[in-house]
Protein backbone atom coordinates (compact mmCIF):
# COMPACT_ATOMS: atom_id res chain seq x y z
CA UNK A 1 0.00 0.00 0.00
CA UNK A 2 1.47 3.38 -0.97
CA UNK A 3 2.14 5.99 1.67
CA UNK A 4 -0.14 8.91 0.80
CA UNK A 5 1.24 11.12 3.58
CA UNK A 6 4.66 11.30 1.92
CA UNK A 7 3.22 14.03 -0.32
CA UNK A 8 2.91 16.25 2.75
CA UNK A 9 6.56 16.15 3.73
CA UNK A 10 8.69 19.21 4.40
CA UNK A 11 9.76 19.20 0.74
CA UNK A 12 6.27 20.37 -0.16
CA UNK A 13 5.67 22.85 2.64
CA UNK A 14 8.95 24.72 2.29
CA UNK A 15 8.22 26.22 -1.18
CA UNK A 16 4.69 27.00 -0.03
CA UNK A 17 5.92 28.86 3.01
CA UNK A 18 8.76 30.69 1.28
CA UNK A 19 7.37 31.45 -2.19
CA UNK A 20 3.65 31.07 -2.69
CA UNK A 21 2.19 32.36 0.57
CA UNK A 22 4.25 35.60 0.73
CA UNK A 23 3.63 36.18 -2.98
CA UNK A 24 -0.11 35.66 -2.55
CA UNK A 25 -0.26 38.05 0.40
CA UNK A 26 1.69 40.71 -1.47
CA UNK A 27 -0.32 40.31 -4.64
CA UNK A 28 -3.78 40.13 -3.07
CA UNK A 29 -4.02 43.81 -2.15
CA UNK A 30 -3.05 44.85 -5.66
CA UNK A 31 -5.59 42.52 -7.24
CA UNK A 32 -8.40 43.81 -5.02
CA UNK A 33 -7.44 47.43 -5.79
CA UNK A 34 -7.35 46.76 -9.53
CA UNK A 35 -10.71 45.00 -9.46
CA UNK A 36 -12.30 47.90 -7.59
CA UNK A 37 -10.80 50.48 -9.93
CA UNK A 38 -11.42 48.77 -13.29
CA UNK A 39 -14.79 47.05 -13.73
CA UNK A 40 -13.80 45.93 -17.23
CA UNK A 41 -11.00 43.87 -15.69
CA UNK A 42 -13.54 42.24 -13.38
CA UNK A 43 -15.57 41.15 -16.43
CA UNK A 44 -12.46 39.86 -18.17
CA UNK A 45 -11.54 37.77 -15.14
CA UNK A 46 -15.09 36.44 -14.83
CA UNK A 47 -14.97 35.26 -18.44
CA UNK A 48 -11.52 33.65 -18.36
CA UNK A 49 -11.11 31.64 -15.16
CA UNK A 50 -8.34 29.27 -16.23
CA UNK A 51 -6.15 31.90 -17.85
CA UNK A 52 -6.59 34.25 -14.90
CA UNK A 53 -5.62 31.54 -12.44
CA UNK A 54 -2.49 30.73 -14.44
CA UNK A 55 -1.45 34.39 -14.65
CA UNK A 56 -2.10 34.89 -10.92
CA UNK A 57 -0.07 31.80 -10.11
CA UNK A 58 2.89 33.07 -12.14
CA UNK A 59 2.57 36.51 -10.55
CA UNK A 60 2.49 34.92 -7.08
CA UNK A 61 5.66 32.95 -7.77
CA UNK A 62 7.40 36.05 -9.15
CA UNK A 63 6.30 38.21 -6.21
CA UNK A 64 7.41 35.50 -3.79
CA UNK A 65 10.84 35.36 -5.42
CA UNK A 66 11.24 39.10 -5.22
PDB file of N, CA and C in Angstrom:
ATOM      1  N   UNK A   1       0.849  -1.181   0.000  1.00  0.00           N
ATOM      2  CA  UNK A   1       0.000   0.000   0.000  1.00  0.00           C
ATOM      3  C   UNK A   1       0.890   1.238   0.000  1.00  0.00           C
ATOM      4  N   UNK A   2       0.626   2.177  -0.912  1.00  0.00           N
ATOM      5  CA  UNK A   2       1.474   3.379  -0.968  1.00  0.00           C
ATOM      6  C   UNK A   2       1.216   4.308   0.219  1.00  0.00           C
ATOM      7  N   UNK A   3       2.235   5.041   0.558  1.00  0.00           N
ATOM      8  CA  UNK A   3       2.144   5.987   1.666  1.00  0.00           C
ATOM      9  C   UNK A   3       1.674   7.338   1.115  1.00  0.00           C
ATOM     10  N   UNK A   4       0.413   7.681   1.336  1.00  0.00           N
ATOM     11  CA  UNK A   4      -0.143   8.915   0.801  1.00  0.00           C
ATOM     12  C   UNK A   4       0.344  10.147   1.564  1.00  0.00           C
ATOM     13  N   UNK A   5       0.797   9.979   2.784  1.00  0.00           N
ATOM     14  CA  UNK A   5       1.239  11.115   3.581  1.00  0.00           C
ATOM     15  C   UNK A   5       2.643  11.583   3.205  1.00  0.00           C
ATOM     16  N   UNK A   6       3.334  10.859   2.350  1.00  0.00           N
ATOM     17  CA  UNK A   6       4.659  11.301   1.918  1.00  0.00           C
ATOM     18  C   UNK A   6       4.569  12.546   1.046  1.00  0.00           C
ATOM     19  N   UNK A   7       3.398  12.813   0.478  1.00  0.00           N
ATOM     20  CA  UNK A   7       3.218  14.029  -0.318  1.00  0.00           C
ATOM     21  C   UNK A   7       3.210  15.278   0.552  1.00  0.00           C
ATOM     22  N   UNK A   8       2.966  15.114   1.844  1.00  0.00           N
ATOM     23  CA  UNK A   8       2.910  16.249   2.749  1.00  0.00           C
ATOM     24  C   UNK A   8       4.174  16.381   3.582  1.00  0.00           C
ATOM     25  N   UNK A   9       5.295  16.038   3.005  1.00  0.00           N
ATOM     26  CA  UNK A   9       6.558  16.148   3.734  1.00  0.00           C
ATOM     27  C   UNK A   9       7.042  17.591   3.712  1.00  0.00           C
ATOM     28  N   UNK A  10       8.160  17.851   4.333  1.00  0.00           N
ATOM     29  CA  UNK A  10       8.690  19.213   4.400  1.00  0.00           C
ATOM     30  C   UNK A  10       9.150  19.704   3.035  1.00  0.00           C
ATOM     31  N   UNK A  11       9.369  18.783   2.087  1.00  0.00           N
ATOM     32  CA  UNK A  11       9.757  19.204   0.742  1.00  0.00           C
ATOM     33  C   UNK A  11       8.626  19.919   0.025  1.00  0.00           C
ATOM     34  N   UNK A  12       7.408  19.701   0.446  1.00  0.00           N
ATOM     35  CA  UNK A  12       6.267  20.371  -0.163  1.00  0.00           C
ATOM     36  C   UNK A  12       5.957  21.674   0.564  1.00  0.00           C
ATOM     37  N   UNK A  13       6.049  21.674   1.872  1.00  0.00           N
ATOM     38  CA  UNK A  13       5.666  22.855   2.640  1.00  0.00           C
ATOM     39  C   UNK A  13       6.688  23.981   2.570  1.00  0.00           C
ATOM     40  N   UNK A  14       7.944  23.672   2.341  1.00  0.00           N
ATOM     41  CA  UNK A  14       8.954  24.725   2.292  1.00  0.00           C
ATOM     42  C   UNK A  14       8.725  25.699   1.140  1.00  0.00           C
ATOM     43  N   UNK A  15       8.512  25.244  -0.118  1.00  0.00           N
ATOM     44  CA  UNK A  15       8.218  26.218  -1.177  1.00  0.00           C
ATOM     45  C   UNK A  15       6.909  26.962  -0.950  1.00  0.00           C
ATOM     46  N   UNK A  16       5.936  26.299  -0.338  1.00  0.00           N
ATOM     47  CA  UNK A  16       4.690  26.997  -0.032  1.00  0.00           C
ATOM     48  C   UNK A  16       4.928  28.134   0.947  1.00  0.00           C
ATOM     49  N   UNK A  17       5.699  27.859   1.969  1.00  0.00           N
ATOM     50  CA  UNK A  17       5.920  28.860   3.014  1.00  0.00           C
ATOM     51  C   UNK A  17       6.867  29.969   2.574  1.00  0.00           C
ATOM     52  N   UNK A  18       7.764  29.672   1.646  1.00  0.00           N
ATOM     53  CA  UNK A  18       8.763  30.686   1.277  1.00  0.00           C
ATOM     54  C   UNK A  18       8.458  31.399  -0.027  1.00  0.00           C
ATOM     55  N   UNK A  19       7.650  30.824  -0.908  1.00  0.00           N
ATOM     56  CA  UNK A  19       7.370  31.455  -2.192  1.00  0.00           C
ATOM     57  C   UNK A  19       5.897  31.819  -2.376  1.00  0.00           C
ATOM     58  N   UNK A  20       5.039  30.833  -2.289  1.00  0.00           N
ATOM     59  CA  UNK A  20       3.653  31.066  -2.689  1.00  0.00           C
ATOM     60  C   UNK A  20       2.861  31.898  -1.693  1.00  0.00           C
ATOM     61  N   UNK A  21       2.988  31.622  -0.412  1.00  0.00           N
ATOM     62  CA  UNK A  21       2.192  32.361   0.572  1.00  0.00           C
ATOM     63  C   UNK A  21       2.606  33.832   0.657  1.00  0.00           C
ATOM     64  N   UNK A  22       3.900  34.169   0.740  1.00  0.00           N
ATOM     65  CA  UNK A  22       4.247  35.600   0.729  1.00  0.00           C
ATOM     66  C   UNK A  22       3.878  36.295  -0.579  1.00  0.00           C
ATOM     67  N   UNK A  23       4.026  35.589  -1.698  1.00  0.00           N
ATOM     68  CA  UNK A  23       3.629  36.175  -2.978  1.00  0.00           C
ATOM     69  C   UNK A  23       2.142  36.425  -3.050  1.00  0.00           C
ATOM     70  N   UNK A  24       1.348  35.497  -2.536  1.00  0.00           N
ATOM     71  CA  UNK A  24      -0.107  35.663  -2.554  1.00  0.00           C
ATOM     72  C   UNK A  24      -0.542  36.810  -1.655  1.00  0.00           C
ATOM     73  N   UNK A  25       0.090  36.953  -0.514  1.00  0.00           N
ATOM     74  CA  UNK A  25      -0.259  38.052   0.395  1.00  0.00           C
ATOM     75  C   UNK A  25       0.112  39.398  -0.226  1.00  0.00           C
ATOM     76  N   UNK A  26       1.282  39.459  -0.838  1.00  0.00           N
ATOM     77  CA  UNK A  26       1.692  40.706  -1.467  1.00  0.00           C
ATOM     78  C   UNK A  26       0.864  41.062  -2.688  1.00  0.00           C
ATOM     79  N   UNK A  27       0.428  40.074  -3.418  1.00  0.00           N
ATOM     80  CA  UNK A  27      -0.321  40.312  -4.645  1.00  0.00           C
ATOM     81  C   UNK A  27      -1.806  40.571  -4.379  1.00  0.00           C
ATOM     82  N   UNK A  28      -2.329  40.060  -3.298  1.00  0.00           N
ATOM     83  CA  UNK A  28      -3.778  40.127  -3.070  1.00  0.00           C
ATOM     84  C   UNK A  28      -4.293  41.562  -2.941  1.00  0.00           C
ATOM     85  N   UNK A  29      -3.553  42.427  -2.284  1.00  0.00           N
ATOM     86  CA  UNK A  29      -4.020  43.811  -2.146  1.00  0.00           C
ATOM     87  C   UNK A  29      -4.051  44.524  -3.490  1.00  0.00           C
ATOM     88  N   UNK A  30      -3.074  44.240  -4.343  1.00  0.00           N
ATOM     89  CA  UNK A  30      -3.049  44.854  -5.664  1.00  0.00           C
ATOM     90  C   UNK A  30      -4.195  44.352  -6.533  1.00  0.00           C
ATOM     91  N   UNK A  31      -4.501  43.089  -6.443  1.00  0.00           N
ATOM     92  CA  UNK A  31      -5.592  42.525  -7.240  1.00  0.00           C
ATOM     93  C   UNK A  31      -6.921  43.117  -6.809  1.00  0.00           C
ATOM     94  N   UNK A  32      -7.141  43.224  -5.517  1.00  0.00           N
ATOM     95  CA  UNK A  32      -8.398  43.814  -5.019  1.00  0.00           C
ATOM     96  C   UNK A  32      -8.499  45.271  -5.459  1.00  0.00           C
ATOM     97  N   UNK A  33      -7.416  46.023  -5.376  1.00  0.00           N
ATOM     98  CA  UNK A  33      -7.438  47.428  -5.792  1.00  0.00           C
ATOM     99  C   UNK A  33      -7.714  47.560  -7.288  1.00  0.00           C
ATOM    100  N   UNK A  34      -7.106  46.692  -8.094  1.00  0.00           N
ATOM    101  CA  UNK A  34      -7.347  46.758  -9.531  1.00  0.00           C
ATOM    102  C   UNK A  34      -8.777  46.370  -9.887  1.00  0.00           C
ATOM    103  N   UNK A  35      -9.329  45.401  -9.180  1.00  0.00           N
ATOM    104  CA  UNK A  35     -10.706  44.997  -9.461  1.00  0.00           C
ATOM    105  C   UNK A  35     -11.708  46.069  -9.042  1.00  0.00           C
ATOM    106  N   UNK A  36     -11.423  46.802  -7.982  1.00  0.00           N
ATOM    107  CA  UNK A  36     -12.305  47.900  -7.586  1.00  0.00           C
ATOM    108  C   UNK A  36     -12.219  49.057  -8.580  1.00  0.00           C
ATOM    109  N   UNK A  37     -11.013  49.315  -9.073  1.00  0.00           N
ATOM    110  CA  UNK A  37     -10.802  50.481  -9.932  1.00  0.00           C
ATOM    111  C   UNK A  37     -11.278  50.255 -11.361  1.00  0.00           C
ATOM    112  N   UNK A  38     -11.113  49.047 -11.890  1.00  0.00           N
ATOM    113  CA  UNK A  38     -11.416  48.768 -13.291  1.00  0.00           C
ATOM    114  C   UNK A  38     -12.484  47.674 -13.404  1.00  0.00           C
ATOM    115  N   UNK A  39     -13.742  48.055 -13.591  1.00  0.00           N
ATOM    116  CA  UNK A  39     -14.794  47.052 -13.725  1.00  0.00           C
ATOM    117  C   UNK A  39     -14.646  46.188 -14.982  1.00  0.00           C
ATOM    118  N   UNK A  40     -14.009  46.713 -16.006  1.00  0.00           N
ATOM    119  CA  UNK A  40     -13.795  45.928 -17.227  1.00  0.00           C
ATOM    120  C   UNK A  40     -12.876  44.752 -16.932  1.00  0.00           C
ATOM    121  N   UNK A  41     -11.898  44.959 -16.088  1.00  0.00           N
ATOM    122  CA  UNK A  41     -10.999  43.870 -15.686  1.00  0.00           C
ATOM    123  C   UNK A  41     -11.759  42.799 -14.918  1.00  0.00           C
ATOM    124  N   UNK A  42     -12.713  43.201 -14.113  1.00  0.00           N
ATOM    125  CA  UNK A  42     -13.543  42.238 -13.384  1.00  0.00           C
ATOM    126  C   UNK A  42     -14.327  41.351 -14.349  1.00  0.00           C
ATOM    127  N   UNK A  43     -14.853  41.938 -15.421  1.00  0.00           N
ATOM    128  CA  UNK A  43     -15.567  41.152 -16.428  1.00  0.00           C
ATOM    129  C   UNK A  43     -14.640  40.228 -17.198  1.00  0.00           C
ATOM    130  N   UNK A  44     -13.436  40.687 -17.466  1.00  0.00           N
ATOM    131  CA  UNK A  44     -12.457  39.859 -18.169  1.00  0.00           C
ATOM    132  C   UNK A  44     -12.066  38.653 -17.324  1.00  0.00           C
ATOM    133  N   UNK A  45     -11.880  38.865 -16.042  1.00  0.00           N
ATOM    134  CA  UNK A  45     -11.536  37.768 -15.137  1.00  0.00           C
ATOM    135  C   UNK A  45     -12.704  36.797 -15.005  1.00  0.00           C
ATOM    136  N   UNK A  46     -13.925  37.317 -14.957  1.00  0.00           N
ATOM    137  CA  UNK A  46     -15.092  36.444 -14.835  1.00  0.00           C
ATOM    138  C   UNK A  46     -15.264  35.563 -16.066  1.00  0.00           C
ATOM    139  N   UNK A  47     -14.821  36.034 -17.222  1.00  0.00           N
ATOM    140  CA  UNK A  47     -14.969  35.257 -18.444  1.00  0.00           C
ATOM    141  C   UNK A  47     -13.835  34.295 -18.713  1.00  0.00           C
ATOM    142  N   UNK A  48     -12.709  34.471 -18.078  1.00  0.00           N
ATOM    143  CA  UNK A  48     -11.523  33.653 -18.362  1.00  0.00           C
ATOM    144  C   UNK A  48     -10.915  33.139 -17.060  1.00  0.00           C
ATOM    145  N   UNK A  49     -11.541  32.141 -16.459  1.00  0.00           N
ATOM    146  CA  UNK A  49     -11.107  31.641 -15.158  1.00  0.00           C
ATOM    147  C   UNK A  49      -9.757  30.937 -15.221  1.00  0.00           C
ATOM    148  N   UNK A  50      -9.570  30.061 -16.175  1.00  0.00           N
ATOM    149  CA  UNK A  50      -8.341  29.265 -16.230  1.00  0.00           C
ATOM    150  C   UNK A  50      -7.129  30.136 -16.536  1.00  0.00           C
ATOM    151  N   UNK A  51      -7.268  31.026 -17.494  1.00  0.00           N
ATOM    152  CA  UNK A  51      -6.154  31.900 -17.854  1.00  0.00           C
ATOM    153  C   UNK A  51      -5.803  32.851 -16.710  1.00  0.00           C
ATOM    154  N   UNK A  52      -6.821  33.351 -16.028  1.00  0.00           N
ATOM    155  CA  UNK A  52      -6.586  34.248 -14.902  1.00  0.00           C
ATOM    156  C   UNK A  52      -5.875  33.531 -13.765  1.00  0.00           C
ATOM    157  N   UNK A  53      -6.280  32.317 -13.481  1.00  0.00           N
ATOM    158  CA  UNK A  53      -5.618  31.540 -12.437  1.00  0.00           C
ATOM    159  C   UNK A  53      -4.165  31.270 -12.760  1.00  0.00           C
ATOM    160  N   UNK A  54      -3.876  30.968 -14.022  1.00  0.00           N
ATOM    161  CA  UNK A  54      -2.494  30.728 -14.437  1.00  0.00           C
ATOM    162  C   UNK A  54      -1.651  31.991 -14.314  1.00  0.00           C
ATOM    163  N   UNK A  55      -2.191  33.115 -14.748  1.00  0.00           N
ATOM    164  CA  UNK A  55      -1.451  34.388 -14.649  1.00  0.00           C
ATOM    165  C   UNK A  55      -1.246  34.775 -13.194  1.00  0.00           C
ATOM    166  N   UNK A  56      -2.262  34.592 -12.347  1.00  0.00           N
ATOM    167  CA  UNK A  56      -2.104  34.895 -10.924  1.00  0.00           C
ATOM    168  C   UNK A  56      -1.080  33.984 -10.262  1.00  0.00           C
ATOM    169  N   UNK A  57      -1.058  32.721 -10.662  1.00  0.00           N
ATOM    170  CA  UNK A  57      -0.068  31.803 -10.107  1.00  0.00           C
ATOM    171  C   UNK A  57       1.347  32.245 -10.478  1.00  0.00           C
ATOM    172  N   UNK A  58       1.561  32.600 -11.730  1.00  0.00           N
ATOM    173  CA  UNK A  58       2.885  33.074 -12.141  1.00  0.00           C
ATOM    174  C   UNK A  58       3.260  34.373 -11.435  1.00  0.00           C
ATOM    175  N   UNK A  59       2.297  35.256 -11.264  1.00  0.00           N
ATOM    176  CA  UNK A  59       2.572  36.508 -10.553  1.00  0.00           C
ATOM    177  C   UNK A  59       2.875  36.255  -9.085  1.00  0.00           C
ATOM    178  N   UNK A  60       2.208  35.265  -8.465  1.00  0.00           N
ATOM    179  CA  UNK A  60       2.487  34.917  -7.080  1.00  0.00           C
ATOM    180  C   UNK A  60       3.906  34.379  -6.922  1.00  0.00           C
ATOM    181  N   UNK A  61       4.307  33.521  -7.836  1.00  0.00           N
ATOM    182  CA  UNK A  61       5.664  32.953  -7.766  1.00  0.00           C
ATOM    183  C   UNK A  61       6.687  34.065  -7.951  1.00  0.00           C
ATOM    184  N   UNK A  62       6.463  34.942  -8.913  1.00  0.00           N
ATOM    185  CA  UNK A  62       7.403  36.047  -9.151  1.00  0.00           C
ATOM    186  C   UNK A  62       7.466  36.976  -7.942  1.00  0.00           C
ATOM    187  N   UNK A  63       6.314  37.327  -7.384  1.00  0.00           N
ATOM    188  CA  UNK A  63       6.298  38.207  -6.212  1.00  0.00           C
ATOM    189  C   UNK A  63       6.952  37.523  -5.006  1.00  0.00           C
ATOM    190  N   UNK A  64       6.767  36.235  -4.876  1.00  0.00           N
ATOM    191  CA  UNK A  64       7.411  35.504  -3.788  1.00  0.00           C
ATOM    192  C   UNK A  64       8.924  35.436  -3.946  1.00  0.00           C
ATOM    193  N   UNK A  65       9.390  35.365  -5.188  1.00  0.00           N
ATOM    194  CA  UNK A  65      10.842  35.355  -5.420  1.00  0.00           C
ATOM    195  C   UNK A  65      11.463  36.708  -5.139  1.00  0.00           C
ATOM    196  N   UNK A  66      10.717  37.760  -5.451  1.00  0.00           N
ATOM    197  CA  UNK A  66      11.244  39.104  -5.216  1.00  0.00           C
ATOM    198  C   UNK A  66      11.247  39.378  -3.732  1.00  0.00           C
TER     199      UNK A  66
END
